[in-house]
mmCIF file of all heavy atoms, coordinates in Angstrom:
data_MODEL
# 
_entry.id   MODEL 
# 
loop_
_atom_site.group_PDB 
_atom_site.id 
_atom_site.type_symbol 
_atom_site.label_atom_id 
_atom_site.label_alt_id 
_atom_site.label_comp_id 
_atom_site.label_asym_id 
_atom_site.label_entity_id 
_atom_site.label_seq_id 
_atom_site.pdbx_PDB_ins_code 
_atom_site.Cartn_x 
_atom_site.Cartn_y 
_atom_site.Cartn_z 
_atom_site.occupancy 
_atom_site.B_iso_or_equiv 
_atom_site.pdbx_formal_charge 
_atom_site.auth_seq_id 
_atom_site.auth_comp_id 
_atom_site.auth_asym_id 
_atom_site.auth_atom_id 
_atom_site.pdbx_PDB_model_num 
ATOM 1   N N   . ILE A 1 1  ? 8.867  0.612  0.461  1.00 0.00 ? 1  ILE A N   1 
ATOM 2   C CA  . ILE A 1 1  ? 9.954  0.351  1.394  1.00 0.00 ? 1  ILE A CA  1 
ATOM 3   C C   . ILE A 1 1  ? 9.418  0.285  2.828  1.00 0.00 ? 1  ILE A C   1 
ATOM 4   O O   . ILE A 1 1  ? 8.553  1.071  3.214  1.00 0.00 ? 1  ILE A O   1 
ATOM 5   C CB  . ILE A 1 1  ? 11.041 1.446  1.313  1.00 0.00 ? 1  ILE A CB  1 
ATOM 6   C CG1 . ILE A 1 1  ? 11.534 1.624  -0.123 1.00 0.00 ? 1  ILE A CG1 1 
ATOM 7   C CG2 . ILE A 1 1  ? 12.190 1.147  2.270  1.00 0.00 ? 1  ILE A CG2 1 
ATOM 8   C CD1 . ILE A 1 1  ? 12.283 0.441  -0.700 1.00 0.00 ? 1  ILE A CD1 1 
ATOM 9   N N   . VAL A 1 2  ? 9.982  -0.630 3.606  1.00 0.00 ? 2  VAL A N   1 
ATOM 10  C CA  . VAL A 1 2  ? 9.676  -0.726 5.027  1.00 0.00 ? 2  VAL A CA  1 
ATOM 11  C C   . VAL A 1 2  ? 10.893 -0.295 5.828  1.00 0.00 ? 2  VAL A C   1 
ATOM 12  O O   . VAL A 1 2  ? 11.993 -0.821 5.618  1.00 0.00 ? 2  VAL A O   1 
ATOM 13  C CB  . VAL A 1 2  ? 9.276  -2.163 5.433  1.00 0.00 ? 2  VAL A CB  1 
ATOM 14  C CG1 . VAL A 1 2  ? 9.118  -2.272 6.955  1.00 0.00 ? 2  VAL A CG1 1 
ATOM 15  C CG2 . VAL A 1 2  ? 7.984  -2.580 4.743  1.00 0.00 ? 2  VAL A CG2 1 
ATOM 16  N N   . ASP A 1 3  ? 10.694 0.668  6.719  1.00 0.00 ? 3  ASP A N   1 
ATOM 17  C CA  . ASP A 1 3  ? 11.713 1.000  7.719  1.00 0.00 ? 3  ASP A CA  1 
ATOM 18  C C   . ASP A 1 3  ? 11.226 0.361  9.019  1.00 0.00 ? 3  ASP A C   1 
ATOM 19  O O   . ASP A 1 3  ? 10.316 0.864  9.666  1.00 0.00 ? 3  ASP A O   1 
ATOM 20  C CB  . ASP A 1 3  ? 11.853 2.519  7.871  1.00 0.00 ? 3  ASP A CB  1 
ATOM 21  C CG  . ASP A 1 3  ? 12.985 2.914  8.817  1.00 0.00 ? 3  ASP A CG  1 
ATOM 22  O OD1 . ASP A 1 3  ? 13.472 2.030  9.553  1.00 0.00 ? 3  ASP A OD1 1 
ATOM 23  O OD2 . ASP A 1 3  ? 13.363 4.101  8.838  1.00 0.00 ? 3  ASP A OD2 1 
ATOM 24  N N   . GLY A 1 4  ? 11.841 -0.755 9.374  1.00 0.00 ? 4  GLY A N   1 
ATOM 25  C CA  . GLY A 1 4  ? 11.353 -1.541 10.507 1.00 0.00 ? 4  GLY A CA  1 
ATOM 26  C C   . GLY A 1 4  ? 11.738 -0.999 11.858 1.00 0.00 ? 4  GLY A C   1 
ATOM 27  O O   . GLY A 1 4  ? 11.216 -1.447 12.880 1.00 0.00 ? 4  GLY A O   1 
ATOM 28  N N   . THR A 1 5  ? 12.671 -0.043 11.866 1.00 0.00 ? 5  THR A N   1 
ATOM 29  C CA  . THR A 1 5  ? 13.127 0.581  13.112 1.00 0.00 ? 5  THR A CA  1 
ATOM 30  C C   . THR A 1 5  ? 13.151 2.088  12.892 1.00 0.00 ? 5  THR A C   1 
ATOM 31  O O   . THR A 1 5  ? 14.211 2.720  12.937 1.00 0.00 ? 5  THR A O   1 
ATOM 32  C CB  . THR A 1 5  ? 14.523 0.065  13.502 1.00 0.00 ? 5  THR A CB  1 
ATOM 33  O OG1 . THR A 1 5  ? 15.395 0.170  12.363 1.00 0.00 ? 5  THR A OG1 1 
ATOM 34  C CG2 . THR A 1 5  ? 14.476 -1.394 13.942 1.00 0.00 ? 5  THR A CG2 1 
ATOM 35  N N   . ALA A 1 6  ? 11.998 2.662  12.680 1.00 0.00 ? 6  ALA A N   1 
ATOM 36  C CA  . ALA A 1 6  ? 11.913 4.047  12.209 1.00 0.00 ? 6  ALA A CA  1 
ATOM 37  C C   . ALA A 1 6  ? 12.438 5.065  13.220 1.00 0.00 ? 6  ALA A C   1 
ATOM 38  O O   . ALA A 1 6  ? 12.948 6.121  12.840 1.00 0.00 ? 6  ALA A O   1 
ATOM 39  C CB  . ALA A 1 6  ? 10.472 4.374  11.828 1.00 0.00 ? 6  ALA A CB  1 
ATOM 40  N N   . GLY A 1 7  ? 12.296 4.769  14.515 1.00 0.00 ? 7  GLY A N   1 
ATOM 41  C CA  . GLY A 1 7  ? 12.877 5.627  15.548 1.00 0.00 ? 7  GLY A CA  1 
ATOM 42  C C   . GLY A 1 7  ? 12.481 7.073  15.428 1.00 0.00 ? 7  GLY A C   1 
ATOM 43  O O   . GLY A 1 7  ? 11.303 7.419  15.383 1.00 0.00 ? 7  GLY A O   1 
ATOM 44  N N   . GLY A 1 8  ? 13.484 7.959  15.350 1.00 0.00 ? 8  GLY A N   1 
ATOM 45  C CA  . GLY A 1 8  ? 13.222 9.393  15.239 1.00 0.00 ? 8  GLY A CA  1 
ATOM 46  C C   . GLY A 1 8  ? 12.964 9.855  13.823 1.00 0.00 ? 8  GLY A C   1 
ATOM 47  O O   . GLY A 1 8  ? 12.794 11.048 13.582 1.00 0.00 ? 8  GLY A O   1 
ATOM 48  N N   . GLY A 1 9  ? 12.934 8.943  12.877 1.00 0.00 ? 9  GLY A N   1 
ATOM 49  C CA  . GLY A 1 9  ? 12.563 9.285  11.509 1.00 0.00 ? 9  GLY A CA  1 
ATOM 50  C C   . GLY A 1 9  ? 13.707 9.740  10.625 1.00 0.00 ? 9  GLY A C   1 
ATOM 51  O O   . GLY A 1 9  ? 13.473 10.217 9.512  1.00 0.00 ? 9  GLY A O   1 
ATOM 52  N N   . GLY A 1 10 ? 14.954 9.571  11.071 1.00 0.00 ? 10 GLY A N   1 
ATOM 53  C CA  . GLY A 1 10 ? 16.099 10.012 10.278 1.00 0.00 ? 10 GLY A CA  1 
ATOM 54  C C   . GLY A 1 10 ? 16.147 9.381  8.905  1.00 0.00 ? 10 GLY A C   1 
ATOM 55  O O   . GLY A 1 10 ? 16.113 10.081 7.880  1.00 0.00 ? 10 GLY A O   1 
ATOM 56  N N   . HIS A 1 11 ? 16.217 8.061  8.856  1.00 0.00 ? 11 HIS A N   1 
ATOM 57  C CA  . HIS A 1 11 ? 16.197 7.367  7.570  1.00 0.00 ? 11 HIS A CA  1 
ATOM 58  C C   . HIS A 1 11 ? 14.827 7.506  6.897  1.00 0.00 ? 11 HIS A C   1 
ATOM 59  O O   . HIS A 1 11 ? 14.734 7.662  5.677  1.00 0.00 ? 11 HIS A O   1 
ATOM 60  C CB  . HIS A 1 11 ? 16.509 5.879  7.753  1.00 0.00 ? 11 HIS A CB  1 
ATOM 61  C CG  . HIS A 1 11 ? 17.919 5.592  8.158  1.00 0.00 ? 11 HIS A CG  1 
ATOM 62  N ND1 . HIS A 1 11 ? 18.246 5.008  9.353  1.00 0.00 ? 11 HIS A ND1 1 
ATOM 63  C CD2 . HIS A 1 11 ? 19.094 5.792  7.505  1.00 0.00 ? 11 HIS A CD2 1 
ATOM 64  C CE1 . HIS A 1 11 ? 19.559 4.856  9.423  1.00 0.00 ? 11 HIS A CE1 1 
ATOM 65  N NE2 . HIS A 1 11 ? 20.101 5.333  8.325  1.00 0.00 ? 11 HIS A NE2 1 
ATOM 66  N N   . SER A 1 12 ? 13.773 7.437  7.688  1.00 0.00 ? 12 SER A N   1 
ATOM 67  C CA  . SER A 1 12 ? 12.416 7.409  7.134  1.00 0.00 ? 12 SER A CA  1 
ATOM 68  C C   . SER A 1 12 ? 12.091 8.645  6.305  1.00 0.00 ? 12 SER A C   1 
ATOM 69  O O   . SER A 1 12 ? 11.451 8.546  5.247  1.00 0.00 ? 12 SER A O   1 
ATOM 70  C CB  . SER A 1 12 ? 11.388 7.270  8.263  1.00 0.00 ? 12 SER A CB  1 
ATOM 71  O OG  . SER A 1 12 ? 11.371 5.960  8.779  1.00 0.00 ? 12 SER A OG  1 
ATOM 72  N N   . ARG A 1 13 ? 12.497 9.820  6.773  1.00 0.00 ? 13 ARG A N   1 
ATOM 73  C CA  . ARG A 1 13 ? 12.185 11.051 6.026  1.00 0.00 ? 13 ARG A CA  1 
ATOM 74  C C   . ARG A 1 13 ? 12.784 11.010 4.628  1.00 0.00 ? 13 ARG A C   1 
ATOM 75  O O   . ARG A 1 13 ? 12.121 11.372 3.642  1.00 0.00 ? 13 ARG A O   1 
ATOM 76  C CB  . ARG A 1 13 ? 12.700 12.282 6.776  1.00 0.00 ? 13 ARG A CB  1 
ATOM 77  C CG  . ARG A 1 13 ? 11.835 12.710 7.947  1.00 0.00 ? 13 ARG A CG  1 
ATOM 78  C CD  . ARG A 1 13 ? 12.347 14.009 8.561  1.00 0.00 ? 13 ARG A CD  1 
ATOM 79  N NE  . ARG A 1 13 ? 12.299 15.103 7.619  1.00 0.00 ? 13 ARG A NE  1 
ATOM 80  C CZ  . ARG A 1 13 ? 11.224 15.847 7.377  1.00 0.00 ? 13 ARG A CZ  1 
ATOM 81  N NH1 . ARG A 1 13 ? 10.086 15.590 8.020  1.00 0.00 ? 13 ARG A NH1 1 
ATOM 82  N NH2 . ARG A 1 13 ? 11.255 16.822 6.497  1.00 0.00 ? 13 ARG A NH2 1 
ATOM 83  N N   . GLU A 1 14 ? 14.021 10.567 4.519  1.00 0.00 ? 14 GLU A N   1 
ATOM 84  C CA  . GLU A 1 14 ? 14.660 10.530 3.209  1.00 0.00 ? 14 GLU A CA  1 
ATOM 85  C C   . GLU A 1 14 ? 14.046 9.453  2.326  1.00 0.00 ? 14 GLU A C   1 
ATOM 86  O O   . GLU A 1 14 ? 13.883 9.639  1.113  1.00 0.00 ? 14 GLU A O   1 
ATOM 87  C CB  . GLU A 1 14 ? 16.161 10.303 3.364  1.00 0.00 ? 14 GLU A CB  1 
ATOM 88  C CG  . GLU A 1 14 ? 16.945 10.463 2.079  1.00 0.00 ? 14 GLU A CG  1 
ATOM 89  C CD  . GLU A 1 14 ? 16.761 11.844 1.433  1.00 0.00 ? 14 GLU A CD  1 
ATOM 90  O OE1 . GLU A 1 14 ? 16.636 12.850 2.175  1.00 0.00 ? 14 GLU A OE1 1 
ATOM 91  O OE2 . GLU A 1 14 ? 16.747 11.900 0.184  1.00 0.00 ? 14 GLU A OE2 1 
ATOM 92  N N   . ILE A 1 15 ? 13.696 8.313  2.921  1.00 0.00 ? 15 ILE A N   1 
ATOM 93  C CA  . ILE A 1 15 ? 13.025 7.261  2.148  1.00 0.00 ? 15 ILE A CA  1 
ATOM 94  C C   . ILE A 1 15 ? 11.691 7.769  1.618  1.00 0.00 ? 15 ILE A C   1 
ATOM 95  O O   . ILE A 1 15 ? 11.344 7.552  0.444  1.00 0.00 ? 15 ILE A O   1 
ATOM 96  C CB  . ILE A 1 15 ? 12.825 5.999  3.011  1.00 0.00 ? 15 ILE A CB  1 
ATOM 97  C CG1 . ILE A 1 15 ? 14.175 5.383  3.387  1.00 0.00 ? 15 ILE A CG1 1 
ATOM 98  C CG2 . ILE A 1 15 ? 11.969 4.971  2.269  1.00 0.00 ? 15 ILE A CG2 1 
ATOM 99  C CD1 . ILE A 1 15 ? 14.084 4.290  4.439  1.00 0.00 ? 15 ILE A CD1 1 
ATOM 100 N N   . ALA A 1 16 ? 10.935 8.460  2.468  1.00 0.00 ? 16 ALA A N   1 
ATOM 101 C CA  . ALA A 1 16 ? 9.627  8.982  2.055  1.00 0.00 ? 16 ALA A CA  1 
ATOM 102 C C   . ALA A 1 16 ? 9.752  9.957  0.889  1.00 0.00 ? 16 ALA A C   1 
ATOM 103 O O   . ALA A 1 16 ? 8.876  10.015 0.014  1.00 0.00 ? 16 ALA A O   1 
ATOM 104 C CB  . ALA A 1 16 ? 8.942  9.661  3.242  1.00 0.00 ? 16 ALA A CB  1 
ATOM 105 N N   . ARG A 1 17 ? 10.846 10.710 0.855  1.00 0.00 ? 17 ARG A N   1 
ATOM 106 C CA  . ARG A 1 17 ? 11.049 11.667 -0.233 1.00 0.00 ? 17 ARG A CA  1 
ATOM 107 C C   . ARG A 1 17 ? 11.295 10.966 -1.568 1.00 0.00 ? 17 ARG A C   1 
ATOM 108 O O   . ARG A 1 17 ? 10.958 11.505 -2.626 1.00 0.00 ? 17 ARG A O   1 
ATOM 109 C CB  . ARG A 1 17 ? 12.253 12.570 0.080  1.00 0.00 ? 17 ARG A CB  1 
ATOM 110 C CG  . ARG A 1 17 ? 12.026 13.566 1.199  1.00 0.00 ? 17 ARG A CG  1 
ATOM 111 C CD  . ARG A 1 17 ? 13.190 14.566 1.256  1.00 0.00 ? 17 ARG A CD  1 
ATOM 112 N NE  . ARG A 1 17 ? 13.049 15.486 2.376  1.00 0.00 ? 17 ARG A NE  1 
ATOM 113 C CZ  . ARG A 1 17 ? 13.718 15.406 3.513  1.00 0.00 ? 17 ARG A CZ  1 
ATOM 114 N NH1 . ARG A 1 17 ? 14.604 14.426 3.680  1.00 0.00 ? 17 ARG A NH1 1 
ATOM 115 N NH2 . ARG A 1 17 ? 13.531 16.277 4.479  1.00 0.00 ? 17 ARG A NH2 1 
ATOM 116 N N   . GLN A 1 18 ? 11.897 9.789  -1.521 1.00 0.00 ? 18 GLN A N   1 
ATOM 117 C CA  . GLN A 1 18 ? 12.340 9.154  -2.763 1.00 0.00 ? 18 GLN A CA  1 
ATOM 118 C C   . GLN A 1 18 ? 11.497 7.964  -3.205 1.00 0.00 ? 18 GLN A C   1 
ATOM 119 O O   . GLN A 1 18 ? 11.553 7.578  -4.380 1.00 0.00 ? 18 GLN A O   1 
ATOM 120 C CB  . GLN A 1 18 ? 13.792 8.690  -2.606 1.00 0.00 ? 18 GLN A CB  1 
ATOM 121 C CG  . GLN A 1 18 ? 14.787 9.819  -2.368 1.00 0.00 ? 18 GLN A CG  1 
ATOM 122 C CD  . GLN A 1 18 ? 16.223 9.318  -2.437 1.00 0.00 ? 18 GLN A CD  1 
ATOM 123 O OE1 . GLN A 1 18 ? 16.582 8.513  -3.305 1.00 0.00 ? 18 GLN A OE1 1 
ATOM 124 N NE2 . GLN A 1 18 ? 17.062 9.774  -1.513 1.00 0.00 ? 18 GLN A NE2 1 
ATOM 125 N N   . ALA A 1 19 ? 10.755 7.346  -2.297 1.00 0.00 ? 19 ALA A N   1 
ATOM 126 C CA  . ALA A 1 19 ? 10.022 6.109  -2.613 1.00 0.00 ? 19 ALA A CA  1 
ATOM 127 C C   . ALA A 1 19 ? 8.555  6.386  -2.910 1.00 0.00 ? 19 ALA A C   1 
ATOM 128 O O   . ALA A 1 19 ? 8.006  7.449  -2.592 1.00 0.00 ? 19 ALA A O   1 
ATOM 129 C CB  . ALA A 1 19 ? 10.148 5.132  -1.451 1.00 0.00 ? 19 ALA A CB  1 
ATOM 130 N N   . LYS A 1 20 ? 7.923  5.396  -3.502 1.00 0.00 ? 20 LYS A N   1 
ATOM 131 C CA  . LYS A 1 20 ? 6.482  5.485  -3.761 1.00 0.00 ? 20 LYS A CA  1 
ATOM 132 C C   . LYS A 1 20 ? 5.699  5.451  -2.457 1.00 0.00 ? 20 LYS A C   1 
ATOM 133 O O   . LYS A 1 20 ? 4.755  6.220  -2.253 1.00 0.00 ? 20 LYS A O   1 
ATOM 134 C CB  . LYS A 1 20 ? 6.052  4.316  -4.659 1.00 0.00 ? 20 LYS A CB  1 
ATOM 135 C CG  . LYS A 1 20 ? 4.554  4.238  -4.908 1.00 0.00 ? 20 LYS A CG  1 
ATOM 136 C CD  . LYS A 1 20 ? 4.212  3.012  -5.748 1.00 0.00 ? 20 LYS A CD  1 
ATOM 137 C CE  . LYS A 1 20 ? 2.699  2.901  -5.962 1.00 0.00 ? 20 LYS A CE  1 
ATOM 138 N NZ  . LYS A 1 20 ? 2.363  1.698  -6.769 1.00 0.00 ? 20 LYS A NZ  1 
ATOM 139 N N   . ARG A 1 21 ? 6.121  4.556  -1.554 1.00 0.00 ? 21 ARG A N   1 
ATOM 140 C CA  . ARG A 1 21 ? 5.399  4.379  -0.293 1.00 0.00 ? 21 ARG A CA  1 
ATOM 141 C C   . ARG A 1 21 ? 6.363  3.896  0.779  1.00 0.00 ? 21 ARG A C   1 
ATOM 142 O O   . ARG A 1 21 ? 7.252  3.084  0.504  1.00 0.00 ? 21 ARG A O   1 
ATOM 143 C CB  . ARG A 1 21 ? 4.261  3.368  -0.474 1.00 0.00 ? 21 ARG A CB  1 
ATOM 144 C CG  . ARG A 1 21 ? 3.321  3.229  0.718  1.00 0.00 ? 21 ARG A CG  1 
ATOM 145 C CD  . ARG A 1 21 ? 2.157  2.325  0.359  1.00 0.00 ? 21 ARG A CD  1 
ATOM 146 N NE  . ARG A 1 21 ? 1.209  2.173  1.472  1.00 0.00 ? 21 ARG A NE  1 
ATOM 147 C CZ  . ARG A 1 21 ? 0.136  1.401  1.445  1.00 0.00 ? 21 ARG A CZ  1 
ATOM 148 N NH1 . ARG A 1 21 ? -0.155 0.711  0.349  1.00 0.00 ? 21 ARG A NH1 1 
ATOM 149 N NH2 . ARG A 1 21 ? -0.670 1.305  2.490  1.00 0.00 ? 21 ARG A NH2 1 
ATOM 150 N N   . LEU A 1 22 ? 6.184  4.395  1.989  1.00 0.00 ? 22 LEU A N   1 
ATOM 151 C CA  . LEU A 1 22 ? 6.999  3.983  3.131  1.00 0.00 ? 22 LEU A CA  1 
ATOM 152 C C   . LEU A 1 22 ? 6.103  3.471  4.241  1.00 0.00 ? 22 LEU A C   1 
ATOM 153 O O   . LEU A 1 22 ? 5.113  4.108  4.602  1.00 0.00 ? 22 LEU A O   1 
ATOM 154 C CB  . LEU A 1 22 ? 7.827  5.163  3.662  1.00 0.00 ? 22 LEU A CB  1 
ATOM 155 C CG  . LEU A 1 22 ? 8.453  4.982  5.050  1.00 0.00 ? 22 LEU A CG  1 
ATOM 156 C CD1 . LEU A 1 22 ? 9.563  3.931  5.005  1.00 0.00 ? 22 LEU A CD1 1 
ATOM 157 C CD2 . LEU A 1 22 ? 8.977  6.302  5.593  1.00 0.00 ? 22 LEU A CD2 1 
ATOM 158 N N   . ILE A 1 23 ? 6.463  2.314  4.785  1.00 0.00 ? 23 ILE A N   1 
ATOM 159 C CA  . ILE A 1 23 ? 5.826  1.808  6.000  1.00 0.00 ? 23 ILE A CA  1 
ATOM 160 C C   . ILE A 1 23 ? 6.852  1.970  7.114  1.00 0.00 ? 23 ILE A C   1 
ATOM 161 O O   . ILE A 1 23 ? 7.894  1.304  7.112  1.00 0.00 ? 23 ILE A O   1 
ATOM 162 C CB  . ILE A 1 23 ? 5.379  0.336  5.867  1.00 0.00 ? 23 ILE A CB  1 
ATOM 163 C CG1 . ILE A 1 23 ? 4.329  0.197  4.763  1.00 0.00 ? 23 ILE A CG1 1 
ATOM 164 C CG2 . ILE A 1 23 ? 4.796  -0.161 7.185  1.00 0.00 ? 23 ILE A CG2 1 
ATOM 165 C CD1 . ILE A 1 23 ? 4.907  -0.049 3.397  1.00 0.00 ? 23 ILE A CD1 1 
ATOM 166 N N   . ALA A 1 24 ? 6.591  2.891  8.031  1.00 0.00 ? 24 ALA A N   1 
ATOM 167 C CA  . ALA A 1 24 ? 7.511  3.205  9.130  1.00 0.00 ? 24 ALA A CA  1 
ATOM 168 C C   . ALA A 1 24 ? 7.031  2.506  10.394 1.00 0.00 ? 24 ALA A C   1 
ATOM 169 O O   . ALA A 1 24 ? 5.975  2.843  10.933 1.00 0.00 ? 24 ALA A O   1 
ATOM 170 C CB  . ALA A 1 24 ? 7.588  4.712  9.345  1.00 0.00 ? 24 ALA A CB  1 
ATOM 171 N N   . ILE A 1 25 ? 7.814  1.534  10.862 1.00 0.00 ? 25 ILE A N   1 
ATOM 172 C CA  . ILE A 1 25 ? 7.423  0.704  12.007 1.00 0.00 ? 25 ILE A CA  1 
ATOM 173 C C   . ILE A 1 25 ? 8.332  1.003  13.194 1.00 0.00 ? 25 ILE A C   1 
ATOM 174 O O   . ILE A 1 25 ? 9.543  1.141  13.042 1.00 0.00 ? 25 ILE A O   1 
ATOM 175 C CB  . ILE A 1 25 ? 7.548  -0.794 11.656 1.00 0.00 ? 25 ILE A CB  1 
ATOM 176 C CG1 . ILE A 1 25 ? 6.699  -1.146 10.427 1.00 0.00 ? 25 ILE A CG1 1 
ATOM 177 C CG2 . ILE A 1 25 ? 7.138  -1.670 12.850 1.00 0.00 ? 25 ILE A CG2 1 
ATOM 178 C CD1 . ILE A 1 25 ? 6.982  -2.544 9.879  1.00 0.00 ? 25 ILE A CD1 1 
ATOM 179 N N   . ASP A 1 26 ? 7.761  1.072  14.377 1.00 0.00 ? 26 ASP A N   1 
ATOM 180 C CA  . ASP A 1 26 ? 8.557  1.110  15.600 1.00 0.00 ? 26 ASP A CA  1 
ATOM 181 C C   . ASP A 1 26 ? 7.716  0.593  16.760 1.00 0.00 ? 26 ASP A C   1 
ATOM 182 O O   . ASP A 1 26 ? 6.503  0.815  16.799 1.00 0.00 ? 26 ASP A O   1 
ATOM 183 C CB  . ASP A 1 26 ? 9.069  2.512  15.913 1.00 0.00 ? 26 ASP A CB  1 
ATOM 184 C CG  . ASP A 1 26 ? 10.379 2.466  16.706 1.00 0.00 ? 26 ASP A CG  1 
ATOM 185 O OD1 . ASP A 1 26 ? 10.332 2.168  17.920 1.00 0.00 ? 26 ASP A OD1 1 
ATOM 186 O OD2 . ASP A 1 26 ? 11.437 2.706  16.114 1.00 0.00 ? 26 ASP A OD2 1 
ATOM 187 N N   . GLN A 1 27 ? 8.378  -0.106 17.701 1.00 0.00 ? 27 GLN A N   1 
ATOM 188 C CA  . GLN A 1 27 ? 7.662  -0.644 18.855 1.00 0.00 ? 27 GLN A CA  1 
ATOM 189 C C   . GLN A 1 27 ? 7.637  0.325  20.031 1.00 0.00 ? 27 GLN A C   1 
ATOM 190 O O   . GLN A 1 27 ? 6.914  0.109  20.996 1.00 0.00 ? 27 GLN A O   1 
ATOM 191 C CB  . GLN A 1 27 ? 8.286  -1.960 19.299 1.00 0.00 ? 27 GLN A CB  1 
ATOM 192 C CG  . GLN A 1 27 ? 9.742  -1.862 19.757 1.00 0.00 ? 27 GLN A CG  1 
ATOM 193 C CD  . GLN A 1 27 ? 10.306 -3.186 20.222 1.00 0.00 ? 27 GLN A CD  1 
ATOM 194 O OE1 . GLN A 1 27 ? 9.613  -3.983 20.847 1.00 0.00 ? 27 GLN A OE1 1 
ATOM 195 N NE2 . GLN A 1 27 ? 11.563 -3.456 19.904 1.00 0.00 ? 27 GLN A NE2 1 
ATOM 196 N N   . ASP A 1 28 ? 8.445  1.383  19.954 1.00 0.00 ? 28 ASP A N   1 
ATOM 197 C CA  . ASP A 1 28 ? 8.553  2.343  21.046 1.00 0.00 ? 28 ASP A CA  1 
ATOM 198 C C   . ASP A 1 28 ? 7.461  3.407  20.905 1.00 0.00 ? 28 ASP A C   1 
ATOM 199 O O   . ASP A 1 28 ? 7.441  4.146  19.918 1.00 0.00 ? 28 ASP A O   1 
ATOM 200 C CB  . ASP A 1 28 ? 9.937  3.001  21.006 1.00 0.00 ? 28 ASP A CB  1 
ATOM 201 C CG  . ASP A 1 28 ? 10.218 3.879  22.216 1.00 0.00 ? 28 ASP A CG  1 
ATOM 202 O OD1 . ASP A 1 28 ? 9.251  4.395  22.811 1.00 0.00 ? 28 ASP A OD1 1 
ATOM 203 O OD2 . ASP A 1 28 ? 11.397 4.058  22.564 1.00 0.00 ? 28 ASP A OD2 1 
ATOM 204 N N   . PRO A 1 29 ? 6.552  3.522  21.878 1.00 0.00 ? 29 PRO A N   1 
ATOM 205 C CA  . PRO A 1 29 ? 5.482  4.525  21.769 1.00 0.00 ? 29 PRO A CA  1 
ATOM 206 C C   . PRO A 1 29 ? 5.999  5.955  21.706 1.00 0.00 ? 29 PRO A C   1 
ATOM 207 O O   . PRO A 1 29 ? 5.377  6.816  21.075 1.00 0.00 ? 29 PRO A O   1 
ATOM 208 C CB  . PRO A 1 29 ? 4.639  4.294  23.033 1.00 0.00 ? 29 PRO A CB  1 
ATOM 209 C CG  . PRO A 1 29 ? 5.516  3.519  23.967 1.00 0.00 ? 29 PRO A CG  1 
ATOM 210 C CD  . PRO A 1 29 ? 6.427  2.711  23.106 1.00 0.00 ? 29 PRO A CD  1 
# 
């Protein structure tokens, strides 16, 4: 799964728990 707007990681953390692999992308340093 790709989270293209990972931000503060809200969605990303739950995706990481359930998916095989997560690519967390964000343009904001």
